[in-house]
Amino acid sequence: MRRRYSRDLVGIDTVIWGVPYDCSTSNRPGTRFGPQAIRRASAIFDGDPQFPSGLDPFAESSVVDWGDCAFDYRRLQDVPGLIERGAGHILGHGCHLVTLGGDHSITLPLLRAHAAMHGPLALVQFDAHQDTWSDDAGQGHGSFVTTAEAEGLIDTSRSIQLGVRTVAPDDFGIEIIDAYEARELGVKAIIQRIEERVGTAPAYLSFDIDALDPAFAPGTGTPVAGGFSSAEALMILWGLRGLDWHGMDVVEVSPPYDHADITAIAAASIVQHYLQILAEKDD
């Protein structure tokens, strides 16, 4: 988000961190440009009381932009470790981490860092895809859940996926509200289902922007018709402010395929709502 850049984490509540990585993309590339696009789009939220809380999250909490994860594209094998160590460093200072991607493969090392601090997490995943494919061909953006489940990073009995509209080989016991069921349920019933599923468990939000319909998020690598509107997704997220959130990421924003920054604005709005949730807890 459009916050002051700082590497000093003393006294900081929340850290915004970019991971401009898209080498696990299977369709359209470009998510390496996502963090900067989200930051640019976030400028409209800076410095005023914000909807729907009426709070300025940057006044209620100390929030800094920690820049981007630095890595060498010639040494891709090092990237997961760099992400995990960077996230661990931030969390080790007692900060709440909000990560801007990047493709969805970055969530695995983020979960490793968070689980090392908090134990297995309830994963709340907005996504058109389950991301439970085999990782035999290497860690991809469509297999992070498979590895996270195998490593015990997530509590599948408390985890839930929302807006799914593709088929995958396994759900690992994760509850799924697919796009058609979501349409039938409506926002309030979806919120209730998520709250019942997650309960009081430590929760992690992973928001793949392709959970939104391409009409609201055209700039993504693997768009699928029939998703949430931006309003529906934001209302659901705002309704979950009672959960015990421990971190979040928003991923798969691909600016080369965006139009009028629609996708970047949607992603920035998701982060803005999440920051308001944190601000309400601090208020």
C-alpha atoms as a PDB file:
ATOM      1  CA  MET A   1       0.000   0.000   0.000  1.00  0.00           C
ATOM      2  CA  ARG A   2       1.027   3.631  -0.334  1.00  0.00           C
ATOM      3  CA  ARG A   3       2.866   3.859   2.981  1.00  0.00           C
ATOM      4  CA  ARG A   4       6.299   5.155   3.879  1.00  0.00           C
ATOM      5  CA  TYR A   5       9.116   2.769   3.069  1.00  0.00           C
ATOM      6  CA  SER A   6      10.994   1.484   6.100  1.00  0.00           C
ATOM      7  CA  ARG A   7      13.205  -1.462   7.035  1.00  0.00           C
ATOM      8  CA  ASP A   8      12.966  -0.570  10.725  1.00  0.00           C
ATOM      9  CA  LEU A   9      10.331  -2.802  12.318  1.00  0.00           C
ATOM     10  CA  VAL A  10      10.608  -1.552  15.896  1.00  0.00           C
ATOM     11  CA  GLY A  11       7.184  -0.417  17.095  1.00  0.00           C
ATOM     12  CA  ILE A  12       5.502  -1.395  13.818  1.00  0.00           C
ATOM     13  CA  ASP A  13       2.090  -3.104  13.885  1.00  0.00           C
ATOM     14  CA  THR A  14       1.606  -4.084  10.244  1.00  0.00           C
ATOM     15  CA  VAL A  15       4.028  -4.587   7.367  1.00  0.00           C
ATOM     16  CA  ILE A  16       3.148  -4.459   3.666  1.00  0.00           C
ATOM     17  CA  TRP A  17       5.549  -6.598   1.650  1.00  0.00           C
ATOM     18  CA  GLY A  18       5.723  -7.289  -2.068  1.00  0.00           C
ATOM     19  CA  VAL A  19       6.799 -10.569  -3.642  1.00  0.00           C
ATOM     20  CA  PRO A  20       7.122  -9.872  -7.404  1.00  0.00           C
ATOM     21  CA  TYR A  21       7.426 -13.498  -8.500  1.00  0.00           C
ATOM     22  CA  ASP A  22       5.574 -15.179 -11.366  1.00  0.00           C
ATOM     23  CA  CYS A  23       7.777 -18.045 -12.530  1.00  0.00           C
ATOM     24  CA  SER A  24       5.247 -20.654 -11.395  1.00  0.00           C
ATOM     25  CA  THR A  25       2.516 -19.276 -13.643  1.00  0.00           C
ATOM     26  CA  SER A  26       0.879 -21.833 -15.921  1.00  0.00           C
ATOM     27  CA  ASN A  27      -1.073 -19.516 -18.222  1.00  0.00           C
ATOM     28  CA  ARG A  28      -0.678 -15.734 -18.620  1.00  0.00           C
ATOM     29  CA  PRO A  29       2.409 -14.196 -16.960  1.00  0.00           C
ATOM     30  CA  GLY A  30       2.846 -10.738 -15.492  1.00  0.00           C
ATOM     31  CA  THR A  31       2.051 -11.077 -11.793  1.00  0.00           C
ATOM     32  CA  ARG A  32       5.602  -9.975 -10.987  1.00  0.00           C
ATOM     33  CA  PHE A  33       4.241  -6.487 -11.676  1.00  0.00           C
ATOM     34  CA  GLY A  34       1.336  -6.984  -9.265  1.00  0.00           C
ATOM     35  CA  PRO A  35       2.835  -5.462  -6.100  1.00  0.00           C
ATOM     36  CA  GLN A  36       3.619  -2.132  -7.742  1.00  0.00           C
ATOM     37  CA  ALA A  37       0.226  -1.971  -9.460  1.00  0.00           C
ATOM     38  CA  ILE A  38      -1.568  -2.585  -6.155  1.00  0.00           C
ATOM     39  CA  ARG A  39       0.535   0.078  -4.461  1.00  0.00           C
ATOM     40  CA  ARG A  40      -0.301   2.627  -7.174  1.00  0.00           C
ATOM     41  CA  ALA A  41      -4.004   1.827  -6.956  1.00  0.00           C
ATOM     42  CA  SER A  42      -3.940   2.154  -3.165  1.00  0.00           C
ATOM     43  CA  ALA A  43      -3.111   5.877  -3.327  1.00  0.00           C
ATOM     44  CA  ILE A  44      -6.828   6.721  -3.311  1.00  0.00           C
ATOM     45  CA  PHE A  45      -7.156   5.295   0.221  1.00  0.00           C
ATOM     46  CA  ASP A  46      -4.408   7.307   1.869  1.00  0.00           C
ATOM     47  CA  GLY A  47      -5.135   9.599   4.799  1.00  0.00           C
ATOM     48  CA  ASP A  48      -8.919   9.723   5.184  1.00  0.00           C
ATOM     49  CA  PRO A  49     -11.579   7.941   7.239  1.00  0.00           C
ATOM     50  CA  GLN A  50     -12.464   4.954   5.110  1.00  0.00           C
ATOM     51  CA  PHE A  51     -15.542   2.968   4.245  1.00  0.00           C
ATOM     52  CA  PRO A  52     -16.999   0.896   5.818  1.00  0.00           C
ATOM     53  CA  SER A  53     -15.351   1.351   9.228  1.00  0.00           C
ATOM     54  CA  GLY A  54     -15.117   5.143   9.272  1.00  0.00           C
ATOM     55  CA  LEU A  55     -11.558   4.707  10.557  1.00  0.00           C
ATOM     56  CA  ASP A  56      -8.251   5.706   9.048  1.00  0.00           C
ATOM     57  CA  PRO A  57      -6.325   2.430   9.468  1.00  0.00           C
ATOM     58  CA  PHE A  58      -3.039   4.271   9.136  1.00  0.00           C
ATOM     59  CA  ALA A  59      -3.913   6.475  12.100  1.00  0.00           C
ATOM     60  CA  GLU A  60      -5.037   3.574  14.287  1.00  0.00           C
ATOM     61  CA  SER A  61      -2.008   1.372  13.550  1.00  0.00           C
ATOM     62  CA  SER A  62       1.630   1.842  12.613  1.00  0.00           C
ATOM     63  CA  VAL A  63       1.865   0.532   9.049  1.00  0.00           C
ATOM     64  CA  VAL A  64       4.965   0.541   6.839  1.00  0.00           C
ATOM     65  CA  ASP A  65       5.870  -0.706   3.388  1.00  0.00           C
ATOM     66  CA  TRP A  66       8.882  -3.017   3.673  1.00  0.00           C
ATOM     67  CA  GLY A  67       9.504  -2.954  -0.065  1.00  0.00           C
ATOM     68  CA  ASP A  68       9.795  -6.112  -2.139  1.00  0.00           C
ATOM     69  CA  CYS A  69      11.418  -9.471  -1.578  1.00  0.00           C
ATOM     70  CA  ALA A  70      14.732  -9.350  -3.443  1.00  0.00           C
ATOM     71  CA  PHE A  71      15.799 -12.404  -5.409  1.00  0.00           C
ATOM     72  CA  ASP A  72      17.773 -13.398  -8.476  1.00  0.00           C
ATOM     73  CA  TYR A  73      15.650 -14.732 -11.339  1.00  0.00           C
ATOM     74  CA  ARG A  74      18.651 -16.853 -12.340  1.00  0.00           C
ATOM     75  CA  ARG A  75      18.400 -18.724  -9.016  1.00  0.00           C
ATOM     76  CA  LEU A  76      14.726 -19.554  -8.774  1.00  0.00           C
ATOM     77  CA  GLN A  77      15.417 -22.483  -6.468  1.00  0.00           C
ATOM     78  CA  ASP A  78      16.329 -19.957  -3.771  1.00  0.00           C
ATOM     79  CA  VAL A  79      13.072 -17.999  -3.933  1.00  0.00           C
ATOM     80  CA  PRO A  80      10.886 -20.033  -1.517  1.00  0.00           C
ATOM     81  CA  GLY A  81      13.571 -19.891   1.152  1.00  0.00           C
ATOM     82  CA  LEU A  82      14.025 -16.151   0.691  1.00  0.00           C
ATOM     83  CA  ILE A  83      10.285 -15.586   1.057  1.00  0.00           C
ATOM     84  CA  GLU A  84      10.065 -17.789   4.143  1.00  0.00           C
ATOM     85  CA  ARG A  85      13.043 -16.133   5.823  1.00  0.00           C
ATOM     86  CA  GLY A  86      11.823 -12.638   4.994  1.00  0.00           C
ATOM     87  CA  ALA A  87       8.360 -13.386   6.347  1.00  0.00           C
ATOM     88  CA  GLY A  88       9.858 -15.022   9.425  1.00  0.00           C
ATOM     89  CA  HIS A  89      11.960 -11.927  10.076  1.00  0.00           C
ATOM     90  CA  ILE A  90       8.897  -9.685   9.933  1.00  0.00           C
ATOM     91  CA  LEU A  91       6.784 -11.981  12.103  1.00  0.00           C
ATOM     92  CA  GLY A  92       9.644 -12.346  14.555  1.00  0.00           C
ATOM     93  CA  HIS A  93       9.359  -8.619  15.273  1.00  0.00           C
ATOM     94  CA  GLY A  94       5.733  -9.102  16.282  1.00  0.00           C
ATOM     95  CA  CYS A  95       4.373  -7.505  13.117  1.00  0.00           C
ATOM     96  CA  HIS A  96       1.269  -8.510  11.195  1.00  0.00           C
ATOM     97  CA  LEU A  97       2.230  -9.332   7.597  1.00  0.00           C
ATOM     98  CA  VAL A  98       0.217  -8.379   4.506  1.00  0.00           C
ATOM     99  CA  THR A  99       1.820  -9.677   1.302  1.00  0.00           C
ATOM    100  CA  LEU A 100       1.247  -8.507  -2.273  1.00  0.00           C
ATOM    101  CA  GLY A 101       1.957 -11.045  -5.014  1.00  0.00           C
ATOM    102  CA  GLY A 102       3.066 -12.408  -7.276  1.00  0.00           C
ATOM    103  CA  ASP A 103       1.614 -15.763  -8.285  1.00  0.00           C
ATOM    104  CA  HIS A 104      -0.032 -18.132  -5.828  1.00  0.00           C
ATOM    105  CA  SER A 105       3.067 -20.257  -5.277  1.00  0.00           C
ATOM    106  CA  ILE A 106       4.321 -17.563  -2.876  1.00  0.00           C
ATOM    107  CA  THR A 107       1.655 -18.552  -0.338  1.00  0.00           C
ATOM    108  CA  LEU A 108       3.433 -21.805   0.552  1.00  0.00           C
ATOM    109  CA  PRO A 109       6.580 -20.216   2.045  1.00  0.00           C
ATOM    110  CA  LEU A 110       4.392 -17.577   3.685  1.00  0.00           C
ATOM    111  CA  LEU A 111       2.367 -20.334   5.350  1.00  0.00           C
ATOM    112  CA  ARG A 112       5.587 -22.002   6.475  1.00  0.00           C
ATOM    113  CA  ALA A 113       6.667 -18.823   8.233  1.00  0.00           C
ATOM    114  CA  HIS A 114       3.272 -18.212   9.820  1.00  0.00           C
ATOM    115  CA  ALA A 115       2.813 -21.834  10.915  1.00  0.00           C
ATOM    116  CA  ALA A 116       6.248 -21.766  12.542  1.00  0.00           C
ATOM    117  CA  MET A 117       4.926 -18.942  14.741  1.00  0.00           C
ATOM    118  CA  HIS A 118       1.312 -19.975  15.287  1.00  0.00           C
ATOM    119  CA  GLY A 119       0.982 -23.674  14.425  1.00  0.00           C
ATOM    120  CA  PRO A 120      -1.395 -25.055  11.762  1.00  0.00           C
ATOM    121  CA  LEU A 121      -3.645 -22.340  10.367  1.00  0.00           C
ATOM    122  CA  ALA A 122      -7.229 -22.214   9.204  1.00  0.00           C
ATOM    123  CA  LEU A 123      -6.834 -21.278   5.542  1.00  0.00           C
ATOM    124  CA  VAL A 124      -9.564 -19.011   4.179  1.00  0.00           C
ATOM    125  CA  GLN A 125      -8.949 -19.072   0.443  1.00  0.00           C
ATOM    126  CA  PHE A 126     -10.840 -17.020  -2.141  1.00  0.00           C
ATOM    127  CA  ASP A 127     -10.016 -18.668  -5.458  1.00  0.00           C
ATOM    128  CA  ALA A 128     -11.425 -19.939  -8.733  1.00  0.00           C
ATOM    129  CA  HIS A 129      -9.174 -22.982  -8.284  1.00  0.00           C
ATOM    130  CA  GLN A 130      -8.561 -25.395  -5.405  1.00  0.00           C
ATOM    131  CA  ASP A 131      -4.777 -25.434  -6.001  1.00  0.00           C
ATOM    132  CA  THR A 132      -4.599 -29.077  -4.949  1.00  0.00           C
ATOM    133  CA  TRP A 133      -2.805 -30.470  -7.981  1.00  0.00           C
ATOM    134  CA  SER A 134       0.250 -32.657  -7.667  1.00  0.00           C
ATOM    135  CA  ASP A 135       3.580 -30.907  -7.216  1.00  0.00           C
ATOM    136  CA  ASP A 136       5.477 -33.659  -9.079  1.00  0.00           C
ATOM    137  CA  ALA A 137       6.596 -31.144 -11.680  1.00  0.00           C
ATOM    138  CA  GLY A 138       7.844 -28.719  -9.050  1.00  0.00           C
ATOM    139  CA  GLN A 139       6.067 -26.240  -6.820  1.00  0.00           C
ATOM    140  CA  GLY A 140       3.523 -24.363  -8.899  1.00  0.00           C
ATOM    141  CA  HIS A 141       0.809 -21.832  -8.289  1.00  0.00           C
ATOM    142  CA  GLY A 142      -1.772 -24.613  -8.602  1.00  0.00           C
ATOM    143  CA  SER A 143      -0.313 -26.975  -5.999  1.00  0.00           C
ATOM    144  CA  PHE A 144       0.525 -24.929  -2.915  1.00  0.00           C
ATOM    145  CA  VAL A 145      -2.401 -26.391  -0.944  1.00  0.00           C
ATOM    146  CA  THR A 146      -1.180 -29.925  -1.661  1.00  0.00           C
ATOM    147  CA  THR A 147       2.199 -29.198  -0.116  1.00  0.00           C
ATOM    148  CA  ALA A 148       0.780 -27.124   2.742  1.00  0.00           C
ATOM    149  CA  GLU A 149      -1.489 -30.011   3.720  1.00  0.00           C
ATOM    150  CA  ALA A 150       1.346 -32.546   3.485  1.00  0.00           C
ATOM    151  CA  GLU A 151       3.584 -30.390   5.696  1.00  0.00           C
ATOM    152  CA  GLY A 152       0.861 -29.809   8.292  1.00  0.00           C
ATOM    153  CA  LEU A 153       0.860 -26.039   7.775  1.00  0.00           C
ATOM    154  CA  ILE A 154      -2.929 -25.807   7.580  1.00  0.00           C
ATOM    155  CA  ASP A 155      -5.706 -27.312   9.660  1.00  0.00           C
ATOM    156  CA  THR A 156      -7.879 -28.710   6.893  1.00  0.00           C
ATOM    157  CA  SER A 157     -10.750 -29.341   9.318  1.00  0.00           C
ATOM    158  CA  ARG A 158     -10.925 -25.562   9.848  1.00  0.00           C
ATOM    159  CA  SER A 159     -10.082 -24.441   6.295  1.00  0.00           C
ATOM    160  CA  ILE A 160     -12.465 -23.315   3.574  1.00  0.00           C
ATOM    161  CA  GLN A 161     -12.261 -22.341  -0.114  1.00  0.00           C
ATOM    162  CA  LEU A 162     -14.661 -19.846  -1.670  1.00  0.00           C
ATOM    163  CA  GLY A 163     -15.721 -19.168  -5.238  1.00  0.00           C
ATOM    164  CA  VAL A 164     -14.231 -22.345  -6.729  1.00  0.00           C
ATOM    165  CA  ARG A 165     -15.372 -23.014 -10.282  1.00  0.00           C
ATOM    166  CA  THR A 166     -12.955 -25.658 -11.536  1.00  0.00           C
ATOM    167  CA  VAL A 167     -12.403 -29.333 -10.688  1.00  0.00           C
ATOM    168  CA  ALA A 168      -9.336 -30.707  -8.896  1.00  0.00           C
ATOM    169  CA  PRO A 169      -8.312 -34.240  -7.863  1.00  0.00           C
ATOM    170  CA  ASP A 170      -8.594 -33.811  -4.075  1.00  0.00           C
ATOM    171  CA  ASP A 171      -9.989 -31.444  -1.466  1.00  0.00           C
ATOM    172  CA  PHE A 172      -8.024 -32.844   1.517  1.00  0.00           C
ATOM    173  CA  GLY A 173     -11.104 -32.385   3.685  1.00  0.00           C
ATOM    174  CA  ILE A 174     -11.227 -28.629   3.111  1.00  0.00           C
ATOM    175  CA  GLU A 175     -14.767 -27.273   2.927  1.00  0.00           C
ATOM    176  CA  ILE A 176     -15.632 -25.787  -0.462  1.00  0.00           C
ATOM    177  CA  ILE A 177     -18.289 -23.244  -1.327  1.00  0.00           C
ATOM    178  CA  ASP A 178     -18.211 -23.251  -5.103  1.00  0.00           C
ATOM    179  CA  ALA A 179     -19.338 -20.324  -7.208  1.00  0.00           C
ATOM    180  CA  TYR A 180     -22.831 -21.667  -7.899  1.00  0.00           C
ATOM    181  CA  GLU A 181     -23.463 -22.525  -4.250  1.00  0.00           C
ATOM    182  CA  ALA A 182     -22.155 -19.111  -3.237  1.00  0.00           C
ATOM    183  CA  ARG A 183     -24.653 -17.450  -5.556  1.00  0.00           C
ATOM    184  CA  GLU A 184     -27.504 -19.452  -4.024  1.00  0.00           C
ATOM    185  CA  LEU A 185     -26.388 -18.833  -0.428  1.00  0.00           C
ATOM    186  CA  GLY A 186     -25.798 -15.096  -0.559  1.00  0.00           C
ATOM    187  CA  VAL A 187     -23.307 -13.029   1.406  1.00  0.00           C
ATOM    188  CA  LYS A 188     -24.743 -13.421   4.921  1.00  0.00           C
ATOM    189  CA  ALA A 189     -25.013 -17.206   4.725  1.00  0.00           C
ATOM    190  CA  ILE A 190     -21.483 -17.475   3.321  1.00  0.00           C
ATOM    191  CA  ILE A 191     -20.129 -15.442   6.231  1.00  0.00           C
ATOM    192  CA  GLN A 192     -21.952 -17.704   8.670  1.00  0.00           C
ATOM    193  CA  ARG A 193     -20.557 -20.842   7.025  1.00  0.00           C
ATOM    194  CA  ILE A 194     -17.004 -19.492   7.202  1.00  0.00           C
ATOM    195  CA  GLU A 195     -17.371 -18.450  10.833  1.00  0.00           C
ATOM    196  CA  GLU A 196     -18.714 -21.884  11.754  1.00  0.00           C
ATOM    197  CA  ARG A 197     -15.880 -23.599   9.910  1.00  0.00           C
ATOM    198  CA  VAL A 198     -12.982 -21.513  11.215  1.00  0.00           C
ATOM    199  CA  GLY A 199     -14.254 -20.899  14.735  1.00  0.00           C
ATOM    200  CA  THR A 200     -11.546 -19.548  17.042  1.00  0.00           C
ATOM    201  CA  ALA A 201      -8.626 -21.078  15.129  1.00  0.00           C
ATOM    202  CA  PRO A 202      -5.737 -18.843  14.014  1.00  0.00           C
ATOM    203  CA  ALA A 203      -6.683 -17.875  10.465  1.00  0.00           C
ATOM    204  CA  TYR A 204      -4.772 -16.942   7.325  1.00  0.00           C
ATOM    205  CA  LEU A 205      -6.421 -15.231   4.349  1.00  0.00           C
ATOM    206  CA  SER A 206      -5.179 -16.009   0.858  1.00  0.00           C
ATOM    207  CA  PHE A 207      -7.057 -14.046  -1.790  1.00  0.00           C
ATOM    208  CA  ASP A 208      -6.436 -15.083  -5.381  1.00  0.00           C
ATOM    209  CA  ILE A 209      -7.858 -12.240  -7.437  1.00  0.00           C
ATOM    210  CA  ASP A 210      -9.297 -14.753  -9.932  1.00  0.00           C
ATOM    211  CA  ALA A 211     -11.941 -15.485  -7.287  1.00  0.00           C
ATOM    212  CA  LEU A 212     -13.550 -12.398  -8.805  1.00  0.00           C
ATOM    213  CA  ASP A 213     -15.361 -12.650 -12.103  1.00  0.00           C
ATOM    214  CA  PRO A 214     -13.236 -11.424 -15.045  1.00  0.00           C
ATOM    215  CA  ALA A 215     -15.662  -8.512 -15.381  1.00  0.00           C
ATOM    216  CA  PHE A 216     -14.237  -7.239 -12.076  1.00  0.00           C
ATOM    217  CA  ALA A 217     -10.695  -8.613 -12.364  1.00  0.00           C
ATOM    218  CA  PRO A 218      -9.607  -9.091 -15.985  1.00  0.00           C
ATOM    219  CA  GLY A 219      -5.934  -8.679 -15.121  1.00  0.00           C
ATOM    220  CA  THR A 220      -5.079 -12.137 -13.897  1.00  0.00           C
ATOM    221  CA  GLY A 221      -3.260 -15.167 -15.198  1.00  0.00           C
ATOM    222  CA  THR A 222      -6.023 -17.779 -15.222  1.00  0.00           C
ATOM    223  CA  PRO A 223      -9.412 -16.037 -15.407  1.00  0.00           C
ATOM    224  CA  VAL A 224     -12.591 -18.098 -15.037  1.00  0.00           C
ATOM    225  CA  ALA A 225     -16.078 -16.742 -15.711  1.00  0.00           C
ATOM    226  CA  GLY A 226     -18.773 -16.864 -13.046  1.00  0.00           C
ATOM    227  CA  GLY A 227     -16.977 -15.496  -9.987  1.00  0.00           C
ATOM    228  CA  PHE A 228     -17.741 -13.044  -7.217  1.00  0.00           C
ATOM    229  CA  SER A 229     -18.313  -9.377  -7.872  1.00  0.00           C
ATOM    230  CA  SER A 230     -15.898  -7.072  -6.092  1.00  0.00           C
ATOM    231  CA  ALA A 231     -18.758  -5.887  -3.864  1.00  0.00           C
ATOM    232  CA  GLU A 232     -19.659  -9.436  -2.823  1.00  0.00           C
ATOM    233  CA  ALA A 233     -16.071 -10.320  -1.977  1.00  0.00           C
ATOM    234  CA  LEU A 234     -15.529  -7.139   0.034  1.00  0.00           C
ATOM    235  CA  MET A 235     -18.777  -7.644   1.945  1.00  0.00           C
ATOM    236  CA  ILE A 236     -17.802 -11.210   2.811  1.00  0.00           C
ATOM    237  CA  LEU A 237     -14.354 -10.141   3.982  1.00  0.00           C
ATOM    238  CA  TRP A 238     -15.776  -7.318   6.087  1.00  0.00           C
ATOM    239  CA  GLY A 239     -18.221  -9.761   7.648  1.00  0.00           C
ATOM    240  CA  LEU A 240     -15.289 -11.897   8.823  1.00  0.00           C
ATOM    241  CA  ARG A 241     -13.702  -9.250  11.017  1.00  0.00           C
ATOM    242  CA  GLY A 242     -14.377 -11.365  14.111  1.00  0.00           C
ATOM    243  CA  LEU A 243     -11.988 -14.117  13.009  1.00  0.00           C
ATOM    244  CA  ASP A 244      -8.551 -14.455  14.587  1.00  0.00           C
ATOM    245  CA  TRP A 245      -6.552 -13.252  11.602  1.00  0.00           C
ATOM    246  CA  HIS A 246      -2.795 -13.779  11.652  1.00  0.00           C
ATOM    247  CA  GLY A 247      -1.827 -12.778   8.100  1.00  0.00           C
ATOM    248  CA  MET A 248      -2.952 -12.444   4.515  1.00  0.00           C
ATOM    249  CA  ASP A 249      -1.863 -12.269   0.917  1.00  0.00           C
ATOM    250  CA  VAL A 250      -3.483 -11.089  -2.295  1.00  0.00           C
ATOM    251  CA  VAL A 251      -2.062 -12.750  -5.387  1.00  0.00           C
ATOM    252  CA  GLU A 252      -2.352 -13.279  -9.158  1.00  0.00           C
ATOM    253  CA  VAL A 253      -2.792  -9.625 -10.170  1.00  0.00           C
ATOM    254  CA  SER A 254      -1.323  -9.379 -13.685  1.00  0.00           C
ATOM    255  CA  PRO A 255      -1.194  -5.730 -14.816  1.00  0.00           C
ATOM    256  CA  PRO A 256      -0.399  -6.491 -18.495  1.00  0.00           C
ATOM    257  CA  TYR A 257      -3.923  -7.934 -18.814  1.00  0.00           C
ATOM    258  CA  ASP A 258      -5.674  -5.288 -16.704  1.00  0.00           C
ATOM    259  CA  HIS A 259      -7.953  -2.539 -18.030  1.00  0.00           C
ATOM    260  CA  ALA A 260      -8.151   0.902 -16.385  1.00  0.00           C
ATOM    261  CA  ASP A 261      -6.533  -0.634 -13.274  1.00  0.00           C
ATOM    262  CA  ILE A 262      -9.789  -2.469 -12.443  1.00  0.00           C
ATOM    263  CA  THR A 263      -7.979  -5.498 -11.045  1.00  0.00           C
ATOM    264  CA  ALA A 264      -5.374  -3.521  -9.130  1.00  0.00           C
ATOM    265  CA  ILE A 265      -8.095  -1.353  -7.572  1.00  0.00           C
ATOM    266  CA  ALA A 266     -10.002  -4.474  -6.510  1.00  0.00           C
ATOM    267  CA  ALA A 267      -6.857  -5.943  -4.943  1.00  0.00           C
ATOM    268  CA  ALA A 268      -6.030  -2.674  -3.179  1.00  0.00           C
ATOM    269  CA  SER A 269      -9.599  -2.540  -1.862  1.00  0.00           C
ATOM    270  CA  ILE A 270      -9.256  -6.048  -0.427  1.00  0.00           C
ATOM    271  CA  VAL A 271      -6.098  -5.024   1.408  1.00  0.00           C
ATOM    272  CA  GLN A 272      -7.742  -1.775   2.520  1.00  0.00           C
ATOM    273  CA  HIS A 273     -10.665  -3.701   4.043  1.00  0.00           C
ATOM    274  CA  TYR A 274      -8.262  -6.082   5.772  1.00  0.00           C
ATOM    275  CA  LEU A 275      -6.274  -3.179   7.229  1.00  0.00           C
ATOM    276  CA  GLN A 276      -9.526  -1.711   8.535  1.00  0.00           C
ATOM    277  CA  ILE A 277     -10.256  -5.031  10.254  1.00  0.00           C
ATOM    278  CA  LEU A 278      -6.882  -4.819  11.980  1.00  0.00           C
ATOM    279  CA  ALA A 279      -7.492  -1.161  12.858  1.00  0.00           C
ATOM    280  CA  GLU A 280     -10.837  -2.000  14.471  1.00  0.00           C
ATOM    281  CA  LYS A 281      -9.078  -4.513  16.706  1.00  0.00           C
ATOM    282  CA  ASP A 282      -6.564  -1.828  17.718  1.00  0.00           C
ATOM    283  CA  ASP A 283      -9.160   0.917  18.165  1.00  0.00           C
END
